[in-house]
Protein backbone atom coordinates (compact mmCIF):
# COMPACT_ATOMS: atom_id res chain seq x y z
CA UNK A 1 14.60 43.59 -36.75
CA UNK A 2 14.08 42.53 -33.14
CA UNK A 3 10.36 42.02 -33.72
CA UNK A 4 11.00 39.95 -36.84
CA UNK A 5 13.33 37.71 -34.83
CA UNK A 6 10.68 37.30 -32.15
CA UNK A 7 8.00 36.55 -34.75
CA UNK A 8 10.12 33.83 -36.34
CA UNK A 9 10.81 32.39 -32.91
CA UNK A 10 7.10 32.32 -32.08
CA UNK A 11 6.47 30.04 -35.08
CA UNK A 12 8.68 27.34 -33.53
CA UNK A 13 7.46 27.50 -29.93
CA UNK A 14 5.16 24.90 -28.37
CA UNK A 15 2.99 24.92 -25.28
CA UNK A 16 0.05 26.98 -24.02
CA UNK A 17 -0.49 30.51 -25.29
CA UNK A 18 0.41 32.08 -21.94
CA UNK A 19 3.76 30.28 -21.89
CA UNK A 20 4.61 31.27 -25.48
CA UNK A 21 3.64 34.89 -24.83
CA UNK A 22 5.86 35.00 -21.75
CA UNK A 23 8.78 33.61 -23.77
CA UNK A 24 8.35 36.19 -26.53
CA UNK A 25 8.22 39.01 -23.97
CA UNK A 26 11.37 37.67 -22.34
CA UNK A 27 13.19 37.37 -25.67
CA UNK A 28 12.21 40.89 -26.76
CA UNK A 29 13.36 42.27 -23.42
CA UNK A 30 16.67 40.42 -23.74
CA UNK A 31 17.18 41.61 -27.31
CA UNK A 32 16.44 45.18 -26.31
CA UNK A 33 18.96 45.02 -23.48
CA UNK A 34 21.59 43.55 -25.81
CA UNK A 35 20.90 46.28 -28.38
CA UNK A 36 21.29 49.02 -25.78
CA UNK A 37 24.57 47.47 -24.64
CA UNK A 38 25.83 47.37 -28.23
CA UNK A 39 24.91 51.04 -28.74
CA UNK A 40 27.62 52.00 -26.27
CA UNK A 41 30.26 50.99 -28.82
CA UNK A 42 28.39 52.10 -31.92
CA UNK A 43 25.79 54.84 -32.49
CA UNK A 44 24.18 52.88 -35.34
CA UNK A 45 20.95 51.39 -33.94
CA UNK A 46 20.48 48.99 -36.85
CA UNK A 47 23.95 47.53 -36.47
CA UNK A 48 23.45 47.26 -32.71
CA UNK A 49 20.20 45.36 -33.22
CA UNK A 50 21.83 43.10 -35.82
CA UNK A 51 24.64 42.26 -33.39
CA UNK A 52 22.08 41.54 -30.65
CA UNK A 53 20.27 39.09 -32.91
CA UNK A 54 23.56 37.39 -33.78
CA UNK A 55 24.46 37.12 -30.11
CA UNK A 56 21.19 35.33 -29.34
CA UNK A 57 21.86 32.79 -32.08
CA UNK A 58 19.77 30.92 -34.65
CA UNK A 59 16.03 30.95 -34.08
CA UNK A 60 15.72 27.15 -34.15
CA UNK A 61 18.38 26.68 -31.47
CA UNK A 62 16.75 29.24 -29.18
CA UNK A 63 13.31 27.72 -29.77
CA UNK A 64 14.64 24.22 -29.02
CA UNK A 65 16.02 25.38 -25.67
CA UNK A 66 12.74 27.06 -24.70
CA UNK A 67 10.69 24.08 -25.89
CA UNK A 68 12.78 21.71 -23.78
CA UNK A 69 12.11 23.92 -20.78
CA UNK A 70 8.38 24.02 -21.59
CA UNK A 71 8.28 20.24 -21.83
CA UNK A 72 10.07 19.85 -18.51
CA UNK A 73 7.82 22.36 -16.74
CA UNK A 74 4.65 20.72 -18.09
CA UNK A 75 5.90 17.26 -17.12
CA UNK A 76 6.78 18.29 -13.58
CA UNK A 77 3.45 20.02 -13.07
CA UNK A 78 1.41 17.04 -14.27
CA UNK A 79 3.52 14.53 -12.34
CA UNK A 80 3.09 16.47 -9.11
CA UNK A 81 -0.66 16.63 -9.57
CA UNK A 82 -0.85 12.90 -10.27
CA UNK A 83 1.18 12.15 -7.15
CA UNK A 84 -1.13 14.32 -5.04
CA UNK A 85 -4.49 13.26 -6.52
CA UNK A 86 -4.14 9.56 -7.24
CA UNK A 87 -3.52 8.05 -3.77
CA UNK A 88 -6.26 10.10 -2.16
CA UNK A 89 -8.77 9.28 -4.89
CA UNK A 90 -7.98 5.56 -4.88
CA UNK A 91 -8.19 5.34 -1.07
CA UNK A 92 -11.51 7.20 -1.04
CA UNK A 93 -12.98 4.87 -3.63
CA UNK A 94 -11.72 1.73 -1.92
CA UNK A 95 -13.29 2.89 1.35
CA UNK A 96 -16.60 3.71 -0.36
CA UNK A 97 -16.79 0.37 -2.23
CA UNK A 98 -15.61 -1.85 0.60
CA UNK A 99 -17.33 0.00 3.41
CA UNK A 100 -20.87 0.08 2.02
CA UNK A 101 -23.84 -1.93 3.25
CA UNK A 102 -23.63 -5.75 2.99
CA UNK A 103 -24.73 -7.20 -0.34
CA UNK A 104 -26.39 -10.51 -1.11
CA UNK A 105 -23.02 -12.24 -0.79
CA UNK A 106 -21.06 -13.27 2.23
CA UNK A 107 -17.81 -11.94 0.80
CA UNK A 108 -16.70 -9.30 -1.66
CA UNK A 109 -17.27 -10.49 -5.25
CA UNK A 110 -14.24 -11.50 -7.33
CA UNK A 111 -14.97 -8.77 -9.88
CA UNK A 112 -14.63 -6.12 -7.20
CA UNK A 113 -11.35 -7.54 -5.92
CA UNK A 114 -10.06 -7.87 -9.48
CA UNK A 115 -11.05 -4.27 -10.21
CA UNK A 116 -9.33 -3.03 -7.08
CA UNK A 117 -6.23 -4.98 -8.12
CA UNK A 118 -6.32 -3.16 -11.47
CA UNK A 119 -6.67 0.12 -9.59
CA UNK A 120 -3.65 -0.76 -7.44
CA UNK A 121 -1.60 -1.61 -10.55
CA UNK A 122 -2.59 1.69 -12.17
CA UNK A 123 -1.58 3.54 -9.01
CA UNK A 124 1.84 1.89 -9.02
CA UNK A 125 2.34 2.65 -12.73
CA UNK A 126 1.23 6.25 -12.34
CA UNK A 127 3.27 6.94 -9.21
CA UNK A 128 6.38 5.22 -10.56
CA UNK A 129 6.17 7.21 -13.79
CA UNK A 130 5.53 10.47 -11.96
CA UNK A 131 8.41 9.98 -9.52
CA UNK A 132 10.75 8.96 -12.34
CA UNK A 133 9.81 12.03 -14.35
CA UNK A 134 10.17 14.35 -11.38
CA UNK A 135 13.53 12.87 -10.44
CA UNK A 136 15.00 13.44 -13.90
CA UNK A 137 13.24 16.74 -14.65
CA UNK A 138 13.71 18.77 -11.48
CA UNK A 139 16.53 20.90 -10.16
CA UNK A 140 19.26 23.08 -11.60
CA UNK A 141 21.10 20.11 -13.09
CA UNK A 142 18.04 19.08 -15.08
CA UNK A 143 17.52 22.64 -16.31
CA UNK A 144 21.00 22.72 -17.83
CA UNK A 145 21.00 19.18 -19.21
CA UNK A 146 19.76 18.08 -22.64
CA UNK A 147 16.21 16.81 -22.92
CA UNK A 148 15.73 13.56 -20.96
CA UNK A 149 13.47 10.97 -22.55
CA UNK A 150 12.67 9.64 -19.07
CA UNK A 151 10.83 12.87 -18.29
CA UNK A 152 8.50 12.34 -21.25
CA UNK A 153 7.95 8.61 -20.77
CA UNK A 154 7.54 8.96 -17.01
CA UNK A 155 4.92 11.67 -17.34
CA UNK A 156 3.06 9.76 -20.05
CA UNK A 157 3.06 6.66 -17.82
CA UNK A 158 1.73 8.76 -14.93
CA UNK A 159 -1.12 10.17 -17.02
CA UNK A 160 -2.01 6.84 -18.66
CA UNK A 161 -1.94 5.09 -15.29
CA UNK A 162 -4.17 7.79 -13.84
CA UNK A 163 -6.71 7.44 -16.64
CA UNK A 164 -6.70 3.64 -16.32
CA UNK A 165 -7.40 3.94 -12.61
CA UNK A 166 -10.24 6.38 -13.19
CA UNK A 167 -11.76 4.16 -15.89
CA UNK A 168 -11.55 1.09 -13.64
CA UNK A 169 -13.22 2.96 -10.79
CA UNK A 170 -16.07 4.11 -13.01
CA UNK A 171 -16.52 0.55 -14.29
CA UNK A 172 -16.65 -0.82 -10.76
CA UNK A 173 -19.20 1.78 -9.73
CA UNK A 174 -21.44 1.05 -12.71
CA UNK A 175 -21.20 -2.70 -12.25
CA UNK A 176 -21.94 -2.52 -8.54
CA UNK A 177 -24.66 0.11 -8.93
CA UNK A 178 -26.51 -1.75 -11.70
CA UNK A 179 -26.21 -5.23 -10.23
CA UNK A 180 -26.74 -4.53 -6.53
CA UNK A 181 -27.51 -0.84 -5.86
CA UNK A 182 -28.53 -1.66 -2.30
CA UNK A 183 -24.92 -2.57 -1.51
CA UNK A 184 -23.70 1.00 -2.03
CA UNK A 185 -23.89 3.91 0.35
CA UNK A 186 -24.79 6.47 -2.33
CA UNK A 187 -24.09 9.63 -0.28
CA UNK A 188 -20.64 8.18 0.48
CA UNK A 189 -20.07 7.24 -3.16
CA UNK A 190 -21.26 10.55 -4.63
CA UNK A 191 -18.19 12.48 -3.46
CA UNK A 192 -15.49 10.25 -5.03
CA UNK A 193 -17.72 9.76 -8.10
CA UNK A 194 -17.83 13.51 -8.70
CA UNK A 195 -14.09 13.80 -8.12
CA UNK A 196 -13.50 10.95 -10.57
CA UNK A 197 -15.46 12.59 -13.36
CA UNK A 198 -13.73 15.94 -12.83
CA UNK A 199 -10.29 14.33 -12.57
CA UNK A 200 -10.91 12.19 -15.65
CA UNK A 201 -11.84 15.20 -17.75
CA UNK A 202 -8.87 17.21 -16.47
CA UNK A 203 -6.23 14.51 -16.96
CA UNK A 204 -7.60 13.48 -20.35
CA UNK A 205 -7.28 17.09 -21.51
CA UNK A 206 -3.85 17.31 -19.86
CA UNK A 207 -2.70 14.19 -21.71
CA UNK A 208 -3.89 15.65 -25.03
CA UNK A 209 -2.04 18.92 -24.38
CA UNK A 210 1.11 17.18 -23.20
CA UNK A 211 1.16 14.99 -26.31
CA UNK A 212 0.86 18.12 -28.46
CA UNK A 213 3.88 19.58 -26.67
CA UNK A 214 5.84 16.34 -27.14
CA UNK A 215 4.99 16.20 -30.85
CA UNK A 216 5.84 19.89 -31.24
CA UNK A 217 9.22 19.48 -29.61
CA UNK A 218 10.14 16.49 -31.76
CA UNK A 219 13.60 14.93 -31.90
CA UNK A 220 16.68 17.04 -31.36
């Protein structure tokens, strides 16, 4: 009976496999403890298990609570990583693009300044979304509150802003490298370029996974 309850619950859970497995283990442990407590008043193991299942409540309600927690944990993790990675990456790129050898122009081209402005806008969008999500999704109060839409929208803004920044940086590198390769210090550029490719792949995959969690949670 306890295993059937856990199996039904597993069908409604969202998130990575490790998270879902940990939830099922936790639920089975809690059901077992409740069953043992109920056995003190009744020697019938089946009735004790049935009472334990009733005490835990409907499967959909339990799954909704765990899914809300999964969404909040995923959002906080991604927002923290965006806050840590984005400023460092943007500053490194700005230094590499602006601090390279002089080009055939006496000033930095408008396209470069426009691109850096787009990078700055993406940084603001990403950081504002990340901070908003963290503010509404962290702490004991957030853990006990109903799902906050700000956590989802803030995290999505952080990830989209991050990807926009990475795309703009790659575009600037390609434009500068193809038009005037002599104006780039390639050893200096190679480090942020590698970090950009790795970060882009990671955050694109993270956005895909986070969207799957959001779709799986659905409306209350």
